PDB file of N, CA and C in Angstrom:
ATOM      1  N   UNK A   1       7.461  -0.959 -14.427  1.00  0.00           N
ATOM      2  CA  UNK A   1       6.275  -0.299 -13.918  1.00  0.00           C
ATOM      3  C   UNK A   1       6.603   0.381 -12.602  1.00  0.00           C
ATOM      4  N   UNK A   2       5.821   1.386 -12.283  1.00  0.00           N
ATOM      5  CA  UNK A   2       5.900   2.063 -10.991  1.00  0.00           C
ATOM      6  C   UNK A   2       4.674   1.643 -10.195  1.00  0.00           C
ATOM      7  N   UNK A   3       4.903   0.982  -9.066  1.00  0.00           N
ATOM      8  CA  UNK A   3       3.821   0.442  -8.252  1.00  0.00           C
ATOM      9  C   UNK A   3       3.889   0.975  -6.835  1.00  0.00           C
ATOM     10  N   UNK A   4       2.731   1.091  -6.212  1.00  0.00           N
ATOM     11  CA  UNK A   4       2.648   1.377  -4.781  1.00  0.00           C
ATOM     12  C   UNK A   4       1.894   0.228  -4.139  1.00  0.00           C
ATOM     13  N   UNK A   5       2.401  -0.237  -2.998  1.00  0.00           N
ATOM     14  CA  UNK A   5       1.771  -1.348  -2.294  1.00  0.00           C
ATOM     15  C   UNK A   5       1.415  -0.906  -0.878  1.00  0.00           C
ATOM     16  N   UNK A   6       0.129  -1.016  -0.554  1.00  0.00           N
ATOM     17  CA  UNK A   6      -0.346  -0.777   0.814  1.00  0.00           C
ATOM     18  C   UNK A   6      -0.451  -2.128   1.505  1.00  0.00           C
ATOM     19  N   UNK A   7      -0.149  -2.163   2.800  1.00  0.00           N
ATOM     20  CA  UNK A   7      -0.163  -3.430   3.529  1.00  0.00           C
ATOM     21  C   UNK A   7       1.083  -4.249   3.224  1.00  0.00           C
ATOM     22  N   UNK A   8       2.179  -3.580   2.954  1.00  0.00           N
ATOM     23  CA  UNK A   8       3.399  -4.241   2.490  1.00  0.00           C
ATOM     24  C   UNK A   8       4.105  -5.063   3.557  1.00  0.00           C
ATOM     25  N   UNK A   9       3.698  -4.959   4.812  1.00  0.00           N
ATOM     26  CA  UNK A   9       4.316  -5.796   5.852  1.00  0.00           C
ATOM     27  C   UNK A   9       3.506  -7.059   6.117  1.00  0.00           C
ATOM     28  N   UNK A  10       2.367  -7.182   5.484  1.00  0.00           N
ATOM     29  CA  UNK A  10       1.540  -8.378   5.647  1.00  0.00           C
ATOM     30  C   UNK A  10       1.924  -9.450   4.641  1.00  0.00           C
ATOM     31  N   UNK A  11       1.229 -10.563   4.711  1.00  0.00           N
ATOM     32  CA  UNK A  11       1.532 -11.694   3.835  1.00  0.00           C
ATOM     33  C   UNK A  11       1.333 -11.379   2.366  1.00  0.00           C
ATOM     34  N   UNK A  12       0.161 -10.885   2.003  1.00  0.00           N
ATOM     35  CA  UNK A  12      -0.152 -10.595   0.602  1.00  0.00           C
ATOM     36  C   UNK A  12       0.664  -9.406   0.102  1.00  0.00           C
ATOM     37  N   UNK A  13       0.658  -8.324   0.860  1.00  0.00           N
ATOM     38  CA  UNK A  13       1.395  -7.132   0.444  1.00  0.00           C
ATOM     39  C   UNK A  13       2.889  -7.370   0.373  1.00  0.00           C
ATOM     40  N   UNK A  14       3.425  -8.097   1.334  1.00  0.00           N
ATOM     41  CA  UNK A  14       4.853  -8.399   1.327  1.00  0.00           C
ATOM     42  C   UNK A  14       5.257  -9.219   0.121  1.00  0.00           C
ATOM     43  N   UNK A  15       4.429 -10.184  -0.225  1.00  0.00           N
ATOM     44  CA  UNK A  15       4.717 -11.007  -1.403  1.00  0.00           C
ATOM     45  C   UNK A  15       4.626 -10.179  -2.677  1.00  0.00           C
ATOM     46  N   UNK A  16       3.664  -9.267  -2.742  1.00  0.00           N
ATOM     47  CA  UNK A  16       3.544  -8.387  -3.912  1.00  0.00           C
ATOM     48  C   UNK A  16       4.795  -7.529  -4.068  1.00  0.00           C
ATOM     49  N   UNK A  17       5.308  -7.012  -2.962  1.00  0.00           N
ATOM     50  CA  UNK A  17       6.525  -6.196  -3.014  1.00  0.00           C
ATOM     51  C   UNK A  17       7.703  -7.033  -3.500  1.00  0.00           C
ATOM     52  N   UNK A  18       7.888  -8.207  -2.924  1.00  0.00           N
ATOM     53  CA  UNK A  18       9.018  -9.068  -3.310  1.00  0.00           C
ATOM     54  C   UNK A  18       8.962  -9.447  -4.789  1.00  0.00           C
ATOM     55  N   UNK A  19       7.791  -9.840  -5.261  1.00  0.00           N
ATOM     56  CA  UNK A  19       7.669 -10.235  -6.664  1.00  0.00           C
ATOM     57  C   UNK A  19       7.877  -9.052  -7.605  1.00  0.00           C
ATOM     58  N   UNK A  20       7.349  -7.897  -7.233  1.00  0.00           N
ATOM     59  CA  UNK A  20       7.509  -6.713  -8.086  1.00  0.00           C
ATOM     60  C   UNK A  20       8.978  -6.306  -8.177  1.00  0.00           C
ATOM     61  N   UNK A  21       9.685  -6.326  -7.060  1.00  0.00           N
ATOM     62  CA  UNK A  21      11.110  -5.992  -7.080  1.00  0.00           C
ATOM     63  C   UNK A  21      11.896  -7.005  -7.900  1.00  0.00           C
ATOM     64  N   UNK A  22      11.575  -8.274  -7.739  1.00  0.00           N
ATOM     65  CA  UNK A  22      12.268  -9.322  -8.498  1.00  0.00           C
ATOM     66  C   UNK A  22      12.056  -9.159 -10.000  1.00  0.00           C
ATOM     67  N   UNK A  23      10.916  -8.595 -10.378  1.00  0.00           N
ATOM     68  CA  UNK A  23      10.612  -8.374 -11.794  1.00  0.00           C
ATOM     69  C   UNK A  23      11.202  -7.061 -12.309  1.00  0.00           C
ATOM     70  N   UNK A  24      11.869  -6.318 -11.427  1.00  0.00           N
ATOM     71  CA  UNK A  24      12.518  -5.082 -11.841  1.00  0.00           C
ATOM     72  C   UNK A  24      11.667  -3.835 -11.784  1.00  0.00           C
ATOM     73  N   UNK A  25      10.526  -3.904 -11.115  1.00  0.00           N
ATOM     74  CA  UNK A  25       9.647  -2.747 -11.007  1.00  0.00           C
ATOM     75  C   UNK A  25      10.115  -1.805  -9.902  1.00  0.00           C
ATOM     76  N   UNK A  26       9.715  -0.555 -10.006  1.00  0.00           N
ATOM     77  CA  UNK A  26       9.927   0.418  -8.933  1.00  0.00           C
ATOM     78  C   UNK A  26       8.744   0.290  -7.981  1.00  0.00           C
ATOM     79  N   UNK A  27       9.035   0.130  -6.694  1.00  0.00           N
ATOM     80  CA  UNK A  27       7.970  -0.130  -5.727  1.00  0.00           C
ATOM     81  C   UNK A  27       8.040   0.867  -4.579  1.00  0.00           C
ATOM     82  N   UNK A  28       6.903   1.474  -4.276  1.00  0.00           N
ATOM     83  CA  UNK A  28       6.754   2.272  -3.068  1.00  0.00           C
ATOM     84  C   UNK A  28       5.917   1.448  -2.106  1.00  0.00           C
ATOM     85  N   UNK A  29       6.505   1.091  -0.971  1.00  0.00           N
ATOM     86  CA  UNK A  29       5.807   0.310   0.050  1.00  0.00           C
ATOM     87  C   UNK A  29       5.323   1.268   1.139  1.00  0.00           C
ATOM     88  N   UNK A  30       4.021   1.303   1.355  1.00  0.00           N
ATOM     89  CA  UNK A  30       3.440   2.155   2.387  1.00  0.00           C
ATOM     90  C   UNK A  30       3.175   1.287   3.605  1.00  0.00           C
ATOM     91  N   UNK A  31       3.832   1.635   4.722  1.00  0.00           N
ATOM     92  CA  UNK A  31       3.771   0.805   5.930  1.00  0.00           C
ATOM     93  C   UNK A  31       3.633   1.677   7.168  1.00  0.00           C
ATOM     94  N   UNK A  32       3.070   1.093   8.226  1.00  0.00           N
ATOM     95  CA  UNK A  32       3.031   1.789   9.515  1.00  0.00           C
ATOM     96  C   UNK A  32       4.382   1.723  10.206  1.00  0.00           C
ATOM     97  N   UNK A  33       5.033   0.562  10.107  1.00  0.00           N
ATOM     98  CA  UNK A  33       6.293   0.334  10.809  1.00  0.00           C
ATOM     99  C   UNK A  33       7.342  -0.194   9.825  1.00  0.00           C
ATOM    100  N   UNK A  34       8.233   0.672   9.343  1.00  0.00           N
ATOM    101  CA  UNK A  34       9.245   0.233   8.378  1.00  0.00           C
ATOM    102  C   UNK A  34      10.122  -0.917   8.876  1.00  0.00           C
ATOM    103  N   UNK A  35      10.298  -1.058  10.160  1.00  0.00           N
ATOM    104  CA  UNK A  35      11.128  -2.142  10.705  1.00  0.00           C
ATOM    105  C   UNK A  35      10.512  -3.513  10.417  1.00  0.00           C
ATOM    106  N   UNK A  36       9.217  -3.565  10.189  1.00  0.00           N
ATOM    107  CA  UNK A  36       8.546  -4.846   9.916  1.00  0.00           C
ATOM    108  C   UNK A  36       8.597  -5.257   8.443  1.00  0.00           C
ATOM    109  N   UNK A  37       9.088  -4.377   7.590  1.00  0.00           N
ATOM    110  CA  UNK A  37       9.171  -4.679   6.166  1.00  0.00           C
ATOM    111  C   UNK A  37      10.401  -5.541   5.915  1.00  0.00           C
ATOM    112  N   UNK A  38      10.188  -6.750   5.424  1.00  0.00           N
ATOM    113  CA  UNK A  38      11.325  -7.645   5.207  1.00  0.00           C
ATOM    114  C   UNK A  38      11.834  -7.631   3.772  1.00  0.00           C
ATOM    115  N   UNK A  39      11.157  -6.961   2.879  1.00  0.00           N
ATOM    116  CA  UNK A  39      11.603  -6.875   1.483  1.00  0.00           C
ATOM    117  C   UNK A  39      12.707  -5.825   1.375  1.00  0.00           C
ATOM    118  N   UNK A  40      13.670  -6.110   0.543  1.00  0.00           N
ATOM    119  CA  UNK A  40      14.778  -5.199   0.286  1.00  0.00           C
ATOM    120  C   UNK A  40      15.092  -5.255  -1.200  1.00  0.00           C
ATOM    121  N   UNK A  41      15.697  -4.210  -1.700  1.00  0.00           N
ATOM    122  CA  UNK A  41      16.133  -4.271  -3.081  1.00  0.00           C
ATOM    123  C   UNK A  41      16.206  -2.922  -3.742  1.00  0.00           C
ATOM    124  N   UNK A  42      16.895  -2.912  -4.857  1.00  0.00           N
ATOM    125  CA  UNK A  42      16.978  -1.713  -5.673  1.00  0.00           C
ATOM    126  C   UNK A  42      15.588  -1.406  -6.214  1.00  0.00           C
ATOM    127  N   UNK A  43      15.235  -0.152  -6.161  1.00  0.00           N
ATOM    128  CA  UNK A  43      13.921   0.232  -6.673  1.00  0.00           C
ATOM    129  C   UNK A  43      12.856   0.302  -5.599  1.00  0.00           C
ATOM    130  N   UNK A  44      13.237   0.077  -4.331  1.00  0.00           N
ATOM    131  CA  UNK A  44      12.259   0.115  -3.240  1.00  0.00           C
ATOM    132  C   UNK A  44      12.325   1.447  -2.504  1.00  0.00           C
ATOM    133  N   UNK A  45      11.180   2.073  -2.364  1.00  0.00           N
ATOM    134  CA  UNK A  45      11.022   3.268  -1.543  1.00  0.00           C
ATOM    135  C   UNK A  45      10.022   2.916  -0.450  1.00  0.00           C
ATOM    136  N   UNK A  46      10.310   3.322   0.768  1.00  0.00           N
ATOM    137  CA  UNK A  46       9.421   3.034   1.893  1.00  0.00           C
ATOM    138  C   UNK A  46       8.825   4.340   2.398  1.00  0.00           C
ATOM    139  N   UNK A  47       7.492   4.353   2.522  1.00  0.00           N
ATOM    140  CA  UNK A  47       6.771   5.512   3.043  1.00  0.00           C
ATOM    141  C   UNK A  47       6.066   5.079   4.315  1.00  0.00           C
ATOM    142  N   UNK A  48       6.309   5.792   5.383  1.00  0.00           N
ATOM    143  CA  UNK A  48       5.665   5.491   6.663  1.00  0.00           C
ATOM    144  C   UNK A  48       4.368   6.280   6.765  1.00  0.00           C
ATOM    145  N   UNK A  49       3.271   5.566   7.060  1.00  0.00           N
ATOM    146  CA  UNK A  49       1.974   6.225   7.177  1.00  0.00           C
ATOM    147  C   UNK A  49       1.011   5.354   7.971  1.00  0.00           C
ATOM    148  N   UNK A  50       0.200   5.996   8.785  1.00  0.00           N
ATOM    149  CA  UNK A  50      -0.867   5.305   9.507  1.00  0.00           C
ATOM    150  C   UNK A  50      -2.173   5.355   8.712  1.00  0.00           C
ATOM    151  N   UNK A  51      -2.102   5.899   7.505  1.00  0.00           N
ATOM    152  CA  UNK A  51      -3.268   6.005   6.609  1.00  0.00           C
ATOM    153  C   UNK A  51      -4.412   6.804   7.231  1.00  0.00           C
ATOM    154  N   UNK A  52      -4.048   7.875   7.906  1.00  0.00           N
ATOM    155  CA  UNK A  52      -5.073   8.698   8.549  1.00  0.00           C
ATOM    156  C   UNK A  52      -5.570   9.818   7.649  1.00  0.00           C
ATOM    157  N   UNK A  53      -4.755  10.223   6.667  1.00  0.00           N
ATOM    158  CA  UNK A  53      -5.137  11.340   5.812  1.00  0.00           C
ATOM    159  C   UNK A  53      -4.777  11.048   4.357  1.00  0.00           C
ATOM    160  N   UNK A  54      -5.728  11.232   3.458  1.00  0.00           N
ATOM    161  CA  UNK A  54      -5.409  11.037   2.036  1.00  0.00           C
ATOM    162  C   UNK A  54      -4.305  11.985   1.564  1.00  0.00           C
ATOM    163  N   UNK A  55      -4.263  13.186   2.129  1.00  0.00           N
ATOM    164  CA  UNK A  55      -3.278  14.178   1.699  1.00  0.00           C
ATOM    165  C   UNK A  55      -1.845  13.677   1.871  1.00  0.00           C
ATOM    166  N   UNK A  56      -1.592  12.907   2.918  1.00  0.00           N
ATOM    167  CA  UNK A  56      -0.231  12.416   3.158  1.00  0.00           C
ATOM    168  C   UNK A  56       0.145  11.274   2.204  1.00  0.00           C
ATOM    169  N   UNK A  57      -0.827  10.757   1.468  1.00  0.00           N
ATOM    170  CA  UNK A  57      -0.579   9.626   0.573  1.00  0.00           C
ATOM    171  C   UNK A  57      -0.515   9.993  -0.900  1.00  0.00           C
ATOM    172  N   UNK A  58      -0.897  11.207  -1.247  1.00  0.00           N
ATOM    173  CA  UNK A  58      -0.973  11.590  -2.658  1.00  0.00           C
ATOM    174  C   UNK A  58       0.371  11.388  -3.353  1.00  0.00           C
ATOM    175  N   UNK A  59       1.452  11.814  -2.743  1.00  0.00           N
ATOM    176  CA  UNK A  59       2.765  11.666  -3.380  1.00  0.00           C
ATOM    177  C   UNK A  59       3.131  10.200  -3.578  1.00  0.00           C
ATOM    178  N   UNK A  60       2.657   9.328  -2.690  1.00  0.00           N
ATOM    179  CA  UNK A  60       2.980   7.898  -2.778  1.00  0.00           C
ATOM    180  C   UNK A  60       2.231   7.202  -3.908  1.00  0.00           C
ATOM    181  N   UNK A  61       1.130   7.781  -4.374  1.00  0.00           N
ATOM    182  CA  UNK A  61       0.334   7.137  -5.430  1.00  0.00           C
ATOM    183  C   UNK A  61       0.343   7.894  -6.751  1.00  0.00           C
ATOM    184  N   UNK A  62       0.819   9.126  -6.738  1.00  0.00           N
ATOM    185  CA  UNK A  62       0.834   9.937  -7.957  1.00  0.00           C
ATOM    186  C   UNK A  62       1.815   9.357  -8.973  1.00  0.00           C
ATOM    187  N   UNK A  63       1.383   9.302 -10.222  1.00  0.00           N
ATOM    188  CA  UNK A  63       2.252   8.853 -11.299  1.00  0.00           C
ATOM    189  C   UNK A  63       2.527   7.356 -11.315  1.00  0.00           C
ATOM    190  N   UNK A  64       1.763   6.575 -10.572  1.00  0.00           N
ATOM    191  CA  UNK A  64       1.972   5.127 -10.527  1.00  0.00           C
ATOM    192  C   UNK A  64       1.171   4.445 -11.628  1.00  0.00           C
ATOM    193  N   UNK A  65       1.732   3.369 -12.137  1.00  0.00           N
ATOM    194  CA  UNK A  65       1.013   2.567 -13.122  1.00  0.00           C
ATOM    195  C   UNK A  65      -0.109   1.788 -12.455  1.00  0.00           C
ATOM    196  N   UNK A  66       0.110   1.403 -11.212  1.00  0.00           N
ATOM    197  CA  UNK A  66      -0.918   0.680 -10.462  1.00  0.00           C
ATOM    198  C   UNK A  66      -0.624   0.796  -8.975  1.00  0.00           C
ATOM    199  N   UNK A  67      -1.685   0.694  -8.197  1.00  0.00           N
ATOM    200  CA  UNK A  67      -1.603   0.651  -6.741  1.00  0.00           C
ATOM    201  C   UNK A  67      -2.208  -0.681  -6.311  1.00  0.00           C
ATOM    202  N   UNK A  68      -1.506  -1.380  -5.438  1.00  0.00           N
ATOM    203  CA  UNK A  68      -1.977  -2.666  -4.927  1.00  0.00           C
ATOM    204  C   UNK A  68      -2.247  -2.530  -3.442  1.00  0.00           C
ATOM    205  N   UNK A  69      -3.324  -3.115  -2.983  1.00  0.00           N
ATOM    206  CA  UNK A  69      -3.651  -3.062  -1.569  1.00  0.00           C
ATOM    207  C   UNK A  69      -3.841  -4.461  -1.004  1.00  0.00           C
ATOM    208  N   UNK A  70      -3.070  -4.740   0.001  1.00  0.00           N
ATOM    209  CA  UNK A  70      -3.223  -5.968   0.766  1.00  0.00           C
ATOM    210  C   UNK A  70      -3.721  -5.645   2.163  1.00  0.00           C
ATOM    211  N   UNK A  71      -4.359  -4.477   2.313  1.00  0.00           N
ATOM    212  CA  UNK A  71      -4.857  -4.069   3.630  1.00  0.00           C
ATOM    213  C   UNK A  71      -5.921  -5.037   4.118  1.00  0.00           C
ATOM    214  N   UNK A  72      -5.867  -5.326   5.373  1.00  0.00           N
ATOM    215  CA  UNK A  72      -6.851  -6.211   5.966  1.00  0.00           C
ATOM    216  C   UNK A  72      -6.789  -6.110   7.474  1.00  0.00           C
ATOM    217  N   UNK A  73      -7.520  -6.965   8.122  1.00  0.00           N
ATOM    218  CA  UNK A  73      -7.535  -6.980   9.576  1.00  0.00           C
ATOM    219  C   UNK A  73      -7.036  -8.329  10.063  1.00  0.00           C
ATOM    220  N   UNK A  74      -6.485  -8.321  11.259  1.00  0.00           N
ATOM    221  CA  UNK A  74      -5.879  -9.532  11.798  1.00  0.00           C
ATOM    222  C   UNK A  74      -6.881 -10.448  12.491  1.00  0.00           C
ATOM    223  N   UNK A  75      -8.032  -9.898  12.910  1.00  0.00           N
ATOM    224  CA  UNK A  75      -8.976 -10.724  13.650  1.00  0.00           C
ATOM    225  C   UNK A  75     -10.396 -10.163  13.520  1.00  0.00           C
ATOM    226  N   UNK A  76     -11.360 -10.919  14.033  1.00  0.00           N
ATOM    227  CA  UNK A  76     -12.770 -10.526  13.921  1.00  0.00           C
ATOM    228  C   UNK A  76     -13.073  -9.254  14.692  1.00  0.00           C
ATOM    229  N   UNK A  77     -12.382  -9.032  15.805  1.00  0.00           N
ATOM    230  CA  UNK A  77     -12.621  -7.815  16.581  1.00  0.00           C
ATOM    231  C   UNK A  77     -12.276  -6.578  15.748  1.00  0.00           C
ATOM    232  N   UNK A  78     -11.165  -6.624  15.023  1.00  0.00           N
ATOM    233  CA  UNK A  78     -10.798  -5.511  14.159  1.00  0.00           C
ATOM    234  C   UNK A  78     -11.786  -5.380  13.002  1.00  0.00           C
ATOM    235  N   UNK A  79     -12.270  -6.490  12.495  1.00  0.00           N
ATOM    236  CA  UNK A  79     -13.228  -6.455  11.389  1.00  0.00           C
ATOM    237  C   UNK A  79     -14.494  -5.715  11.803  1.00  0.00           C
ATOM    238  N   UNK A  80     -14.934  -5.920  13.025  1.00  0.00           N
ATOM    239  CA  UNK A  80     -16.163  -5.261  13.499  1.00  0.00           C
ATOM    240  C   UNK A  80     -15.995  -3.754  13.645  1.00  0.00           C
ATOM    241  N   UNK A  81     -14.771  -3.272  13.763  1.00  0.00           N
ATOM    242  CA  UNK A  81     -14.556  -1.835  13.918  1.00  0.00           C
ATOM    243  C   UNK A  81     -14.610  -1.087  12.596  1.00  0.00           C
ATOM    244  N   UNK A  82     -14.600  -1.820  11.480  1.00  0.00           N
ATOM    245  CA  UNK A  82     -14.614  -1.178  10.177  1.00  0.00           C
ATOM    246  C   UNK A  82     -13.253  -0.619   9.777  1.00  0.00           C
ATOM    247  N   UNK A  83     -12.191  -1.108  10.394  1.00  0.00           N
ATOM    248  CA  UNK A  83     -10.848  -0.595  10.148  1.00  0.00           C
ATOM    249  C   UNK A  83     -10.444  -0.705   8.679  1.00  0.00           C
ATOM    250  N   UNK A  84     -10.612  -1.861   8.086  1.00  0.00           N
ATOM    251  CA  UNK A  84     -10.208  -2.046   6.680  1.00  0.00           C
ATOM    252  C   UNK A  84     -10.980  -1.105   5.771  1.00  0.00           C
ATOM    253  N   UNK A  85     -12.251  -0.921   6.047  1.00  0.00           N
ATOM    254  CA  UNK A  85     -13.057  -0.010   5.233  1.00  0.00           C
ATOM    255  C   UNK A  85     -12.545   1.420   5.342  1.00  0.00           C
ATOM    256  N   UNK A  86     -12.247   1.880   6.566  1.00  0.00           N
ATOM    257  CA  UNK A  86     -11.736   3.246   6.749  1.00  0.00           C
ATOM    258  C   UNK A  86     -10.399   3.440   6.045  1.00  0.00           C
ATOM    259  N   UNK A  87      -9.503   2.469   6.170  1.00  0.00           N
ATOM    260  CA  UNK A  87      -8.193   2.580   5.529  1.00  0.00           C
ATOM    261  C   UNK A  87      -8.339   2.610   4.009  1.00  0.00           C
ATOM    262  N   UNK A  88      -9.216   1.776   3.478  1.00  0.00           N
ATOM    263  CA  UNK A  88      -9.424   1.725   2.032  1.00  0.00           C
ATOM    264  C   UNK A  88     -10.020   3.029   1.524  1.00  0.00           C
ATOM    265  N   UNK A  89     -10.916   3.619   2.276  1.00  0.00           N
ATOM    266  CA  UNK A  89     -11.487   4.917   1.871  1.00  0.00           C
ATOM    267  C   UNK A  89     -10.394   5.985   1.789  1.00  0.00           C
ATOM    268  N   UNK A  90      -9.445   5.948   2.716  1.00  0.00           N
ATOM    269  CA  UNK A  90      -8.329   6.897   2.694  1.00  0.00           C
ATOM    270  C   UNK A  90      -7.492   6.696   1.436  1.00  0.00           C
ATOM    271  N   UNK A  91      -7.204   5.456   1.107  1.00  0.00           N
ATOM    272  CA  UNK A  91      -6.430   5.147  -0.100  1.00  0.00           C
ATOM    273  C   UNK A  91      -7.185   5.612  -1.344  1.00  0.00           C
ATOM    274  N   UNK A  92      -8.481   5.339  -1.418  1.00  0.00           N
ATOM    275  CA  UNK A  92      -9.281   5.756  -2.574  1.00  0.00           C
ATOM    276  C   UNK A  92      -9.294   7.270  -2.743  1.00  0.00           C
ATOM    277  N   UNK A  93      -9.383   7.985  -1.646  1.00  0.00           N
ATOM    278  CA  UNK A  93      -9.368   9.452  -1.718  1.00  0.00           C
ATOM    279  C   UNK A  93      -8.018   9.954  -2.227  1.00  0.00           C
ATOM    280  N   UNK A  94      -6.933   9.324  -1.806  1.00  0.00           N
ATOM    281  CA  UNK A  94      -5.601   9.712  -2.288  1.00  0.00           C
ATOM    282  C   UNK A  94      -5.462   9.435  -3.782  1.00  0.00           C
ATOM    283  N   UNK A  95      -5.978   8.285  -4.232  1.00  0.00           N
ATOM    284  CA  UNK A  95      -5.938   7.961  -5.662  1.00  0.00           C
ATOM    285  C   UNK A  95      -6.705   9.003  -6.473  1.00  0.00           C
ATOM    286  N   UNK A  96      -7.879   9.368  -5.996  1.00  0.00           N
ATOM    287  CA  UNK A  96      -8.690  10.360  -6.707  1.00  0.00           C
ATOM    288  C   UNK A  96      -7.962  11.701  -6.778  1.00  0.00           C
ATOM    289  N   UNK A  97      -7.351  12.117  -5.681  1.00  0.00           N
ATOM    290  CA  UNK A  97      -6.631  13.387  -5.650  1.00  0.00           C
ATOM    291  C   UNK A  97      -5.420  13.375  -6.586  1.00  0.00           C
ATOM    292  N   UNK A  98      -4.777  12.210  -6.726  1.00  0.00           N
ATOM    293  CA  UNK A  98      -3.580  12.097  -7.564  1.00  0.00           C
ATOM    294  C   UNK A  98      -3.914  11.815  -9.023  1.00  0.00           C
ATOM    295  N   UNK A  99      -5.144  11.414  -9.290  1.00  0.00           N
ATOM    296  CA  UNK A  99      -5.524  11.051 -10.648  1.00  0.00           C
ATOM    297  C   UNK A  99      -5.037   9.665 -11.059  1.00  0.00           C
ATOM    298  N   UNK A 100      -4.707   8.839 -10.081  1.00  0.00           N
ATOM    299  CA  UNK A 100      -4.268   7.466 -10.351  1.00  0.00           C
ATOM    300  C   UNK A 100      -5.506   6.598 -10.461  1.00  0.00           C
ATOM    301  N   UNK A 101      -5.587   5.802 -11.535  1.00  0.00           N
ATOM    302  CA  UNK A 101      -6.839   5.118 -11.834  1.00  0.00           C
ATOM    303  C   UNK A 101      -6.824   3.609 -11.661  1.00  0.00           C
ATOM    304  N   UNK A 102      -5.686   2.985 -11.431  1.00  0.00           N
ATOM    305  CA  UNK A 102      -5.642   1.519 -11.377  1.00  0.00           C
ATOM    306  C   UNK A 102      -5.348   1.071  -9.955  1.00  0.00           C
ATOM    307  N   UNK A 103      -6.303   0.343  -9.356  1.00  0.00           N
ATOM    308  CA  UNK A 103      -6.177  -0.185  -8.001  1.00  0.00           C
ATOM    309  C   UNK A 103      -6.541  -1.656  -8.019  1.00  0.00           C
ATOM    310  N   UNK A 104      -5.672  -2.465  -7.430  1.00  0.00           N
ATOM    311  CA  UNK A 104      -5.932  -3.898  -7.262  1.00  0.00           C
ATOM    312  C   UNK A 104      -5.999  -4.163  -5.770  1.00  0.00           C
ATOM    313  N   UNK A 105      -7.093  -4.781  -5.321  1.00  0.00           N
ATOM    314  CA  UNK A 105      -7.292  -5.020  -3.883  1.00  0.00           C
ATOM    315  C   UNK A 105      -7.450  -6.504  -3.617  1.00  0.00           C
ATOM    316  N   UNK A 106      -6.732  -6.993  -2.607  1.00  0.00           N
ATOM    317  CA  UNK A 106      -6.912  -8.342  -2.099  1.00  0.00           C
ATOM    318  C   UNK A 106      -7.152  -8.193  -0.606  1.00  0.00           C
ATOM    319  N   UNK A 107      -8.267  -8.724  -0.127  1.00  0.00           N
ATOM    320  CA  UNK A 107      -8.583  -8.576   1.288  1.00  0.00           C
ATOM    321  C   UNK A 107      -9.295  -9.798   1.789  1.00  0.00           C
TER     322      UNK A 107
END
């Protein structure tokens, strides 16, 4: 399968990347800071993005069998800002533009 994982440097997203690579899938990990990504392996592509524009994400989600999101916030202060909601809206807009229809979210 061809998968894209958002939040790939976090606990849930990182585990999704590791398991997908171990199963032999092609994985695109979308991260703010590639240095924080601890997963490695054949079939891994890393895309750096702050998730500010859906247009910059279309290539990362186009033609994927599924997109997984482990996006979340680290604390209550971030939760009150609506950060996770804004980031998810950006991802949804990119999926719509690319015609990708399968999204799995854990938050």
